[in-house]
PDB file of all heavy atoms in Angstrom:
ATOM      1  N   SER A   1    -101.712-174.283  74.896  1.00  0.00           N
ATOM      2  CA  SER A   1    -101.504-174.751  76.264  1.00  0.00           C
ATOM      3  C   SER A   1    -100.034-175.094  76.515  1.00  0.00           C
ATOM      4  O   SER A   1     -99.478-174.734  77.554  1.00  0.00           O
ATOM      5  CB  SER A   1    -102.377-175.979  76.540  1.00  0.00           C
ATOM      6  OG  SER A   1    -102.149-176.477  77.825  1.00  0.00           O
ATOM      7  N   LEU A   2     -99.410-175.783  75.569  1.00  0.00           N
ATOM      8  CA  LEU A   2     -97.987-176.119  75.691  1.00  0.00           C
ATOM      9  C   LEU A   2     -97.160-174.849  75.817  1.00  0.00           C
ATOM     10  O   LEU A   2     -96.285-174.747  76.682  1.00  0.00           O
ATOM     11  CB  LEU A   2     -97.517-176.941  74.486  1.00  0.00           C
ATOM     12  CG  LEU A   2     -96.021-177.240  74.422  1.00  0.00           C
ATOM     13  CD1 LEU A   2     -95.598-178.144  75.573  1.00  0.00           C
ATOM     14  CD2 LEU A   2     -95.653-177.872  73.087  1.00  0.00           C
ATOM     15  N   ALA A   3     -97.443-173.879  74.957  1.00  0.00           N
ATOM     16  CA  ALA A   3     -96.692-172.621  74.997  1.00  0.00           C
ATOM     17  C   ALA A   3     -96.859-171.941  76.352  1.00  0.00           C
ATOM     18  O   ALA A   3     -95.871-171.498  76.957  1.00  0.00           O
ATOM     19  CB  ALA A   3     -97.159-171.700  73.867  1.00  0.00           C
ATOM     20  N   LEU A   4     -98.082-171.861  76.842  1.00  0.00           N
ATOM     21  CA  LEU A   4     -98.332-171.212  78.138  1.00  0.00           C
ATOM     22  C   LEU A   4     -97.621-171.944  79.269  1.00  0.00           C
ATOM     23  O   LEU A   4     -97.028-171.323  80.150  1.00  0.00           O
ATOM     24  CB  LEU A   4     -99.832-171.130  78.411  1.00  0.00           C
ATOM     25  CG  LEU A   4    -100.606-170.130  77.551  1.00  0.00           C
ATOM     26  CD1 LEU A   4    -102.114-170.283  77.779  1.00  0.00           C
ATOM     27  CD2 LEU A   4    -100.157-168.714  77.841  1.00  0.00           C
ATOM     28  N   GLN A   5     -97.696-173.275  79.257  1.00  0.00           N
ATOM     29  CA  GLN A   5     -97.028-174.058  80.306  1.00  0.00           C
ATOM     30  C   GLN A   5     -95.519-173.866  80.275  1.00  0.00           C
ATOM     31  O   GLN A   5     -94.858-173.912  81.312  1.00  0.00           O
ATOM     32  CB  GLN A   5     -97.358-175.543  80.149  1.00  0.00           C
ATOM     33  CG  GLN A   5     -98.790-175.901  80.496  1.00  0.00           C
ATOM     34  CD  GLN A   5     -99.046-177.367  80.268  1.00  0.00           C
ATOM     35  OE1 GLN A   5     -98.499-178.211  80.969  1.00  0.00           O
ATOM     36  NE2 GLN A   5     -99.841-177.684  79.266  1.00  0.00           N
ATOM     37  N   ALA A   6     -94.972-173.650  79.078  1.00  0.00           N
ATOM     38  CA  ALA A   6     -93.529-173.455  78.932  1.00  0.00           C
ATOM     39  C   ALA A   6     -93.120-172.000  79.167  1.00  0.00           C
ATOM     40  O   ALA A   6     -91.936-171.677  79.140  1.00  0.00           O
ATOM     41  CB  ALA A   6     -93.079-173.906  77.544  1.00  0.00           C
ATOM     42  N   GLY A   7     -94.107-171.128  79.371  1.00  0.00           N
ATOM     43  CA  GLY A   7     -93.804-169.726  79.629  1.00  0.00           C
ATOM     44  C   GLY A   7     -93.439-168.952  78.379  1.00  0.00           C
ATOM     45  O   GLY A   7     -92.646-168.017  78.425  1.00  0.00           O
ATOM     46  N   THR A   8     -94.034-169.349  77.250  1.00  0.00           N
ATOM     47  CA  THR A   8     -93.720-168.678  75.987  1.00  0.00           C
ATOM     48  C   THR A   8     -94.992-168.545  75.167  1.00  0.00           C
ATOM     49  O   THR A   8     -96.089-168.661  75.699  1.00  0.00           O
ATOM     50  CB  THR A   8     -92.602-169.449  75.232  1.00  0.00           C
ATOM     51  OG1 THR A   8     -92.121-168.646  74.167  1.00  0.00           O
ATOM     52  CG2 THR A   8     -93.039-170.801  74.744  1.00  0.00           C
ATOM     53  N   THR A   9     -94.847-168.300  73.878  1.00  0.00           N
ATOM     54  CA  THR A   9     -95.997-168.144  72.996  1.00  0.00           C
ATOM     55  C   THR A   9     -95.933-169.154  71.853  1.00  0.00           C
ATOM     56  O   THR A   9     -94.866-169.713  71.565  1.00  0.00           O
ATOM     57  CB  THR A   9     -96.019-166.730  72.372  1.00  0.00           C
ATOM     58  OG1 THR A   9     -94.862-166.590  71.531  1.00  0.00           O
ATOM     59  CG2 THR A   9     -96.020-165.649  73.448  1.00  0.00           C
ATOM     60  N   ARG A  10     -97.078-169.343  71.207  1.00  0.00           N
ATOM     61  CA  ARG A  10     -97.086-170.217  70.030  1.00  0.00           C
ATOM     62  C   ARG A  10     -96.187-169.636  68.941  1.00  0.00           C
ATOM     63  O   ARG A  10     -95.546-170.367  68.199  1.00  0.00           O
ATOM     64  CB  ARG A  10     -98.501-170.379  69.472  1.00  0.00           C
ATOM     65  CG  ARG A  10     -99.305-171.425  70.203  1.00  0.00           C
ATOM     66  CD  ARG A  10    -100.598-171.738  69.503  1.00  0.00           C
ATOM     67  NE  ARG A  10    -101.258-170.530  69.009  1.00  0.00           N
ATOM     68  CZ  ARG A  10    -102.082-170.512  67.971  1.00  0.00           C
ATOM     69  NH1 ARG A  10    -102.344-171.598  67.306  1.00  0.00           N
ATOM     70  NH2 ARG A  10    -102.649-169.382  67.587  1.00  0.00           N
ATOM     71  N   GLY A  11     -96.137-168.313  68.849  1.00  0.00           N
ATOM     72  CA  GLY A  11     -95.276-167.667  67.857  1.00  0.00           C
ATOM     73  C   GLY A  11     -93.816-168.034  68.042  1.00  0.00           C
ATOM     74  O   GLY A  11     -93.108-168.311  67.076  1.00  0.00           O
ATOM     75  N   THR A  12     -93.378-168.039  69.297  1.00  0.00           N
ATOM     76  CA  THR A  12     -91.987-168.424  69.574  1.00  0.00           C
ATOM     77  C   THR A  12     -91.748-169.887  69.212  1.00  0.00           C
ATOM     78  O   THR A  12     -90.728-170.228  68.609  1.00  0.00           O
ATOM     79  CB  THR A  12     -91.631-168.166  71.050  1.00  0.00           C
ATOM     80  OG1 THR A  12     -91.729-166.764  71.300  1.00  0.00           O
ATOM     81  CG2 THR A  12     -90.234-168.649  71.378  1.00  0.00           C
ATOM     82  N   LEU A  13     -92.688-170.751  69.557  1.00  0.00           N
ATOM     83  CA  LEU A  13     -92.528-172.173  69.214  1.00  0.00           C
ATOM     84  C   LEU A  13     -92.500-172.360  67.697  1.00  0.00           C
ATOM     85  O   LEU A  13     -91.728-173.170  67.184  1.00  0.00           O
ATOM     86  CB  LEU A  13     -93.627-173.016  69.863  1.00  0.00           C
ATOM     87  CG  LEU A  13     -93.620-173.028  71.401  1.00  0.00           C
ATOM     88  CD1 LEU A  13     -94.745-173.911  71.929  1.00  0.00           C
ATOM     89  CD2 LEU A  13     -92.278-173.468  71.954  1.00  0.00           C
ATOM     90  N   ASN A  14     -93.318-171.589  66.982  1.00  0.00           N
ATOM     91  CA  ASN A  14     -93.281-171.656  65.519  1.00  0.00           C
ATOM     92  C   ASN A  14     -91.931-171.183  64.986  1.00  0.00           C
ATOM     93  O   ASN A  14     -91.403-171.750  64.026  1.00  0.00           O
ATOM     94  CB  ASN A  14     -94.410-170.820  64.907  1.00  0.00           C
ATOM     95  CG  ASN A  14     -95.755-171.501  65.027  1.00  0.00           C
ATOM     96  OD1 ASN A  14     -95.839-172.722  65.066  1.00  0.00           O
ATOM     97  ND2 ASN A  14     -96.812-170.722  65.082  1.00  0.00           N
ATOM     98  N   GLN A  15     -91.362-170.145  65.604  1.00  0.00           N
ATOM     99  CA  GLN A  15     -90.037-169.668  65.183  1.00  0.00           C
ATOM    100  C   GLN A  15     -88.976-170.737  65.413  1.00  0.00           C
ATOM    101  O   GLN A  15     -88.028-170.857  64.635  1.00  0.00           O
ATOM    102  CB  GLN A  15     -89.654-168.397  65.935  1.00  0.00           C
ATOM    103  CG  GLN A  15     -90.425-167.181  65.506  1.00  0.00           C
ATOM    104  CD  GLN A  15     -90.072-165.962  66.337  1.00  0.00           C
ATOM    105  OE1 GLN A  15     -89.412-166.056  67.366  1.00  0.00           O
ATOM    106  NE2 GLN A  15     -90.525-164.807  65.894  1.00  0.00           N
ATOM    107  N   ILE A  16     -89.128-171.507  66.472  1.00  0.00           N
ATOM    108  CA  ILE A  16     -88.169-172.580  66.764  1.00  0.00           C
ATOM    109  C   ILE A  16     -88.238-173.658  65.681  1.00  0.00           C
ATOM    110  O   ILE A  16     -87.211-174.081  65.150  1.00  0.00           O
ATOM    111  CB  ILE A  16     -88.424-173.194  68.161  1.00  0.00           C
ATOM    112  CG1 ILE A  16     -88.145-172.157  69.248  1.00  0.00           C
ATOM    113  CG2 ILE A  16     -87.573-174.447  68.369  1.00  0.00           C
ATOM    114  CD1 ILE A  16     -88.683-172.553  70.615  1.00  0.00           C
ATOM    115  N   ILE A  17     -89.446-174.092  65.334  1.00  0.00           N
ATOM    116  CA  ILE A  17     -89.554-175.218  64.390  1.00  0.00           C
ATOM    117  C   ILE A  17     -89.426-174.805  62.935  1.00  0.00           C
ATOM    118  O   ILE A  17     -89.015-175.604  62.110  1.00  0.00           O
ATOM    119  CB  ILE A  17     -90.844-176.042  64.607  1.00  0.00           C
ATOM    120  CG1 ILE A  17     -92.094-175.207  64.357  1.00  0.00           C
ATOM    121  CG2 ILE A  17     -90.859-176.672  65.977  1.00  0.00           C
ATOM    122  CD1 ILE A  17     -93.377-176.006  64.371  1.00  0.00           C
ATOM    123  N   TYR A  18     -89.742-173.562  62.611  1.00  0.00           N
ATOM    124  CA  TYR A  18     -89.672-173.130  61.209  1.00  0.00           C
ATOM    125  C   TYR A  18     -88.533-172.159  60.924  1.00  0.00           C
ATOM    126  O   TYR A  18     -87.984-172.154  59.837  1.00  0.00           O
ATOM    127  CB  TYR A  18     -90.976-172.453  60.775  1.00  0.00           C
ATOM    128  CG  TYR A  18     -92.147-173.381  60.677  1.00  0.00           C
ATOM    129  CD1 TYR A  18     -93.281-173.166  61.446  1.00  0.00           C
ATOM    130  CD2 TYR A  18     -92.126-174.470  59.820  1.00  0.00           C
ATOM    131  CE1 TYR A  18     -94.375-174.005  61.355  1.00  0.00           C
ATOM    132  CE2 TYR A  18     -93.218-175.320  59.728  1.00  0.00           C
ATOM    133  CZ  TYR A  18     -94.339-175.084  60.493  1.00  0.00           C
ATOM    134  OH  TYR A  18     -95.413-175.923  60.409  1.00  0.00           O
ATOM    135  N   GLY A  19     -88.203-171.323  61.891  1.00  0.00           N
ATOM    136  CA  GLY A  19     -87.266-170.244  61.619  1.00  0.00           C
ATOM    137  C   GLY A  19     -85.874-170.435  62.148  1.00  0.00           C
ATOM    138  O   GLY A  19     -85.029-169.564  62.011  1.00  0.00           O
ATOM    139  N   GLY A  20     -85.619-171.565  62.773  1.00  0.00           N
ATOM    140  CA  GLY A  20     -84.280-171.815  63.285  1.00  0.00           C
ATOM    141  C   GLY A  20     -83.919-170.991  64.505  1.00  0.00           C
ATOM    142  O   GLY A  20     -82.743-170.794  64.792  1.00  0.00           O
ATOM    143  N   LYS A  21     -84.925-170.501  65.236  1.00  0.00           N
ATOM    144  CA  LYS A  21     -84.667-169.707  66.440  1.00  0.00           C
ATOM    145  C   LYS A  21     -83.951-170.560  67.483  1.00  0.00           C
ATOM    146  O   LYS A  21     -84.328-171.694  67.735  1.00  0.00           O
ATOM    147  CB  LYS A  21     -85.979-169.184  67.016  1.00  0.00           C
ATOM    148  CG  LYS A  21     -85.805-168.370  68.285  1.00  0.00           C
ATOM    149  CD  LYS A  21     -87.146-167.812  68.743  1.00  0.00           C
ATOM    150  CE  LYS A  21     -87.030-167.015  70.008  1.00  0.00           C
ATOM    151  NZ  LYS A  21     -86.223-165.807  69.861  1.00  0.00           N
ATOM    152  N   ARG A  22     -82.912-170.016  68.052  1.00  0.00           N
ATOM    153  CA  ARG A  22     -82.182-170.697  69.136  1.00  0.00           C
ATOM    154  C   ARG A  22     -82.761-170.246  70.462  1.00  0.00           C
ATOM    155  O   ARG A  22     -83.206-169.103  70.598  1.00  0.00           O
ATOM    156  CB  ARG A  22     -80.701-170.385  69.036  1.00  0.00           C
ATOM    157  CG  ARG A  22     -80.128-170.873  67.713  1.00  0.00           C
ATOM    158  CD  ARG A  22     -78.671-171.225  67.816  1.00  0.00           C
ATOM    159  NE  ARG A  22     -78.229-171.891  66.607  1.00  0.00           N
ATOM    160  CZ  ARG A  22     -78.270-173.213  66.419  1.00  0.00           C
ATOM    161  NH1 ARG A  22     -78.707-173.986  67.361  1.00  0.00           N
ATOM    162  NH2 ARG A  22     -77.846-173.745  65.295  1.00  0.00           N
ATOM    163  N   ILE A  23     -82.776-171.140  71.436  1.00  0.00           N
ATOM    164  CA  ILE A  23     -83.442-170.842  72.701  1.00  0.00           C
ATOM    165  C   ILE A  23     -82.506-171.004  73.895  1.00  0.00           C
ATOM    166  O   ILE A  23     -81.498-171.707  73.825  1.00  0.00           O
ATOM    167  CB  ILE A  23     -84.696-171.721  72.886  1.00  0.00           C
ATOM    168  CG1 ILE A  23     -84.347-173.215  72.856  1.00  0.00           C
ATOM    169  CG2 ILE A  23     -85.724-171.392  71.819  1.00  0.00           C
ATOM    170  CD1 ILE A  23     -85.524-174.128  73.127  1.00  0.00           C
ATOM    171  N   GLU A  24     -82.887-170.344  74.965  1.00  0.00           N
ATOM    172  CA  GLU A  24     -82.127-170.406  76.213  1.00  0.00           C
ATOM    173  C   GLU A  24     -82.458-171.705  76.952  1.00  0.00           C
ATOM    174  O   GLU A  24     -83.453-172.372  76.683  1.00  0.00           O
ATOM    175  CB  GLU A  24     -82.422-169.191  77.087  1.00  0.00           C
ATOM    176  CG  GLU A  24     -81.928-167.884  76.503  1.00  0.00           C
ATOM    177  CD  GLU A  24     -80.410-167.793  76.391  1.00  0.00           C
ATOM    178  OE1 GLU A  24     -79.696-168.490  77.132  1.00  0.00           O
ATOM    179  OE2 GLU A  24     -79.941-167.023  75.554  1.00  0.00           O
ATOM    180  N   LEU A  25     -81.630-172.018  77.917  1.00  0.00           N
ATOM    181  CA  LEU A  25     -81.730-173.290  78.630  1.00  0.00           C
ATOM    182  C   LEU A  25     -83.034-173.428  79.412  1.00  0.00           C
ATOM    183  O   LEU A  25     -83.615-174.506  79.472  1.00  0.00           O
ATOM    184  CB  LEU A  25     -80.521-173.444  79.566  1.00  0.00           C
ATOM    185  CG  LEU A  25     -80.250-174.830  80.121  1.00  0.00           C
ATOM    186  CD1 LEU A  25     -80.124-175.867  79.020  1.00  0.00           C
ATOM    187  CD2 LEU A  25     -78.981-174.813  80.961  1.00  0.00           C
ATOM    188  N   GLY A  26     -83.538-172.343  79.977  1.00  0.00           N
ATOM    189  CA  GLY A  26     -84.777-172.417  80.755  1.00  0.00           C
ATOM    190  C   GLY A  26     -85.954-172.873  79.913  1.00  0.00           C
ATOM    191  O   GLY A  26     -86.712-173.774  80.311  1.00  0.00           O
ATOM    192  N   LEU A  27     -86.127-172.284  78.747  1.00  0.00           N
ATOM    193  CA  LEU A  27     -87.213-172.699  77.852  1.00  0.00           C
ATOM    194  C   LEU A  27     -86.984-174.128  77.371  1.00  0.00           C
ATOM    195  O   LEU A  27     -87.918-174.929  77.316  1.00  0.00           O
ATOM    196  CB  LEU A  27     -87.338-171.739  76.668  1.00  0.00           C
ATOM    197  CG  LEU A  27     -88.392-172.097  75.616  1.00  0.00           C
ATOM    198  CD1 LEU A  27     -89.773-172.291  76.230  1.00  0.00           C
ATOM    199  CD2 LEU A  27     -88.424-171.036  74.525  1.00  0.00           C
ATOM    200  N   ALA A  28     -85.752-174.456  77.050  1.00  0.00           N
ATOM    201  CA  ALA A  28     -85.446-175.821  76.608  1.00  0.00           C
ATOM    202  C   ALA A  28     -85.781-176.834  77.701  1.00  0.00           C
ATOM    203  O   ALA A  28     -86.377-177.880  77.417  1.00  0.00           O
ATOM    204  CB  ALA A  28     -83.975-175.927  76.217  1.00  0.00           C
ATOM    205  N   ASP A  29     -85.442-176.526  78.953  1.00  0.00           N
ATOM    206  CA  ASP A  29     -85.779-177.421  80.068  1.00  0.00           C
ATOM    207  C   ASP A  29     -87.291-177.623  80.171  1.00  0.00           C
ATOM    208  O   ASP A  29     -87.773-178.735  80.397  1.00  0.00           O
ATOM    209  CB  ASP A  29     -85.254-176.866  81.393  1.00  0.00           C
ATOM    210  CG  ASP A  29     -83.765-177.084  81.592  1.00  0.00           C
ATOM    211  OD1 ASP A  29     -83.191-177.999  80.967  1.00  0.00           O
ATOM    212  OD2 ASP A  29     -83.176-176.336  82.393  1.00  0.00           O
ATOM    213  N   CYS A  30     -88.040-176.534  80.015  1.00  0.00           N
ATOM    214  CA  CYS A  30     -89.507-176.631  80.075  1.00  0.00           C
ATOM    215  C   CYS A  30     -90.037-177.524  78.960  1.00  0.00           C
ATOM    216  O   CYS A  30     -90.898-178.384  79.203  1.00  0.00           O
ATOM    217  CB  CYS A  30     -90.145-175.244  79.965  1.00  0.00           C
ATOM    218  SG  CYS A  30     -89.930-174.221  81.421  1.00  0.00           S
ATOM    219  N   LEU A  31     -89.538-177.352  77.750  1.00  0.00           N
ATOM    220  CA  LEU A  31     -90.021-178.155  76.631  1.00  0.00           C
ATOM    221  C   LEU A  31     -89.685-179.629  76.817  1.00  0.00           C
ATOM    222  O   LEU A  31     -90.506-180.501  76.526  1.00  0.00           O
ATOM    223  CB  LEU A  31     -89.441-177.630  75.310  1.00  0.00           C
ATOM    224  CG  LEU A  31     -89.943-176.240  74.897  1.00  0.00           C
ATOM    225  CD1 LEU A  31     -89.204-175.765  73.651  1.00  0.00           C
ATOM    226  CD2 LEU A  31     -91.449-176.241  74.676  1.00  0.00           C
ATOM    227  N   VAL A  32     -88.498-179.910  77.331  1.00  0.00           N
ATOM    228  CA  VAL A  32     -88.114-181.299  77.598  1.00  0.00           C
ATOM    229  C   VAL A  32     -89.045-181.908  78.656  1.00  0.00           C
ATOM    230  O   VAL A  32     -89.482-183.056  78.522  1.00  0.00           O
ATOM    231  CB  VAL A  32     -86.634-181.390  78.035  1.00  0.00           C
ATOM    232  CG1 VAL A  32     -86.301-182.759  78.608  1.00  0.00           C
ATOM    233  CG2 VAL A  32     -85.722-181.068  76.852  1.00  0.00           C
ATOM    234  N   ALA A  33     -89.380-181.134  79.677  1.00  0.00           N
ATOM    235  CA  ALA A  33     -90.271-181.629  80.732  1.00  0.00           C
ATOM    236  C   ALA A  33     -91.696-181.851  80.217  1.00  0.00           C
ATOM    237  O   ALA A  33     -92.391-182.757  80.681  1.00  0.00           O
ATOM    238  CB  ALA A  33     -90.283-180.651  81.904  1.00  0.00           C
ATOM    239  N   LEU A  34     -92.123-181.055  79.261  1.00  0.00           N
ATOM    240  CA  LEU A  34     -93.508-181.107  78.782  1.00  0.00           C
ATOM    241  C   LEU A  34     -93.733-182.031  77.589  1.00  0.00           C
ATOM    242  O   LEU A  34     -94.868-182.416  77.315  1.00  0.00           O
ATOM    243  CB  LEU A  34     -93.978-179.698  78.408  1.00  0.00           C
ATOM    244  CG  LEU A  34     -94.097-178.705  79.562  1.00  0.00           C
ATOM    245  CD1 LEU A  34     -94.266-177.286  79.041  1.00  0.00           C
ATOM    246  CD2 LEU A  34     -95.252-179.091  80.482  1.00  0.00           C
ATOM    247  N   CYS A  35     -92.669-182.384  76.884  1.00  0.00           N
ATOM    248  CA  CYS A  35     -92.799-183.198  75.662  1.00  0.00           C
ATOM    249  C   CYS A  35     -92.100-184.538  75.857  1.00  0.00           C
ATOM    250  O   CYS A  35     -90.866-184.610  75.801  1.00  0.00           O
ATOM    251  CB  CYS A  35     -92.188-182.463  74.470  1.00  0.00           C
ATOM    252  SG  CYS A  35     -92.938-180.872  74.127  1.00  0.00           S
ATOM    253  N   PRO A  36     -92.854-185.591  76.077  1.00  0.00           N
ATOM    254  CA  PRO A  36     -92.256-186.912  76.306  1.00  0.00           C
ATOM    255  C   PRO A  36     -91.319-187.318  75.172  1.00  0.00           C
ATOM    256  O   PRO A  36     -91.625-187.140  73.993  1.00  0.00           O
ATOM    257  CB  PRO A  36     -93.473-187.847  76.361  1.00  0.00           C
ATOM    258  CG  PRO A  36     -94.625-186.962  76.698  1.00  0.00           C
ATOM    259  CD  PRO A  36     -94.313-185.625  76.086  1.00  0.00           C
ATOM    260  N   GLY A  37     -90.151-187.809  75.544  1.00  0.00           N
ATOM    261  CA  GLY A  37     -89.186-188.303  74.573  1.00  0.00           C
ATOM    262  C   GLY A  37     -88.253-187.244  74.019  1.00  0.00           C
ATOM    263  O   GLY A  37     -87.319-187.574  73.293  1.00  0.00           O
ATOM    264  N   LEU A  38     -88.486-185.990  74.361  1.00  0.00           N
ATOM    265  CA  LEU A  38     -87.634-184.905  73.874  1.00  0.00           C
ATOM    266  C   LEU A  38     -86.447-184.739  74.814  1.00  0.00           C
ATOM    267  O   LEU A  38     -86.578-184.895  76.025  1.00  0.00           O
ATOM    268  CB  LEU A  38     -88.445-183.606  73.814  1.00  0.00           C
ATOM    269  CG  LEU A  38     -87.847-182.460  73.024  1.00  0.00           C
ATOM    270  CD1 LEU A  38     -87.775-182.817  71.546  1.00  0.00           C
ATOM    271  CD2 LEU A  38     -88.684-181.205  73.205  1.00  0.00           C
ATOM    272  N   ALA A  39     -85.277-184.443  74.265  1.00  0.00           N
ATOM    273  CA  ALA A  39     -84.066-184.233  75.061  1.00  0.00           C
ATOM    274  C   ALA A  39     -83.449-182.889  74.681  1.00  0.00           C
ATOM    275  O   ALA A  39     -83.742-182.342  73.609  1.00  0.00           O
ATOM    276  CB  ALA A  39     -83.068-185.355  74.805  1.00  0.00           C
ATOM    277  N   LEU A  40     -82.587-182.364  75.542  1.00  0.00           N
ATOM    278  CA  LEU A  40     -81.933-181.085  75.258  1.00  0.00           C
ATOM    279  C   LEU A  40     -81.181-181.119  73.930  1.00  0.00           C
ATOM    280  O   LEU A  40     -81.125-180.124  73.214  1.00  0.00           O
ATOM    281  CB  LEU A  40     -80.977-180.703  76.389  1.00  0.00           C
ATOM    282  CG  LEU A  40     -81.628-180.234  77.683  1.00  0.00           C
ATOM    283  CD1 LEU A  40     -80.568-180.004  78.755  1.00  0.00           C
ATOM    284  CD2 LEU A  40     -82.449-178.976  77.463  1.00  0.00           C
ATOM    285  N   GLU A  41     -80.601-182.272  73.589  1.00  0.00           N
ATOM    286  CA  GLU A  41     -79.854-182.403  72.341  1.00  0.00           C
ATOM    287  C   GLU A  41     -80.739-182.179  71.122  1.00  0.00           C
ATOM    288  O   GLU A  41     -80.252-181.924  70.029  1.00  0.00           O
ATOM    289  CB  GLU A  41     -79.223-183.805  72.215  1.00  0.00           C
ATOM    290  CG  GLU A  41     -78.267-184.185  73.288  1.00  0.00           C
ATOM    291  CD  GLU A  41     -78.955-184.679  74.557  1.00  0.00           C
ATOM    292  OE1 GLU A  41     -80.016-185.342  74.486  1.00  0.00           O
ATOM    293  OE2 GLU A  41     -78.441-184.390  75.640  1.00  0.00           O
TER     294      GLU A  41
END
């Protein structure tokens, strides 16, 4: 659900947390909006 709301996939989110994938500002903004306490930094 988080992935869909952010306009991405669980695979991409897994790449971010495990594979060091860097992301564009649009996806980062979505994740910050959807995850309380998370910041762009």
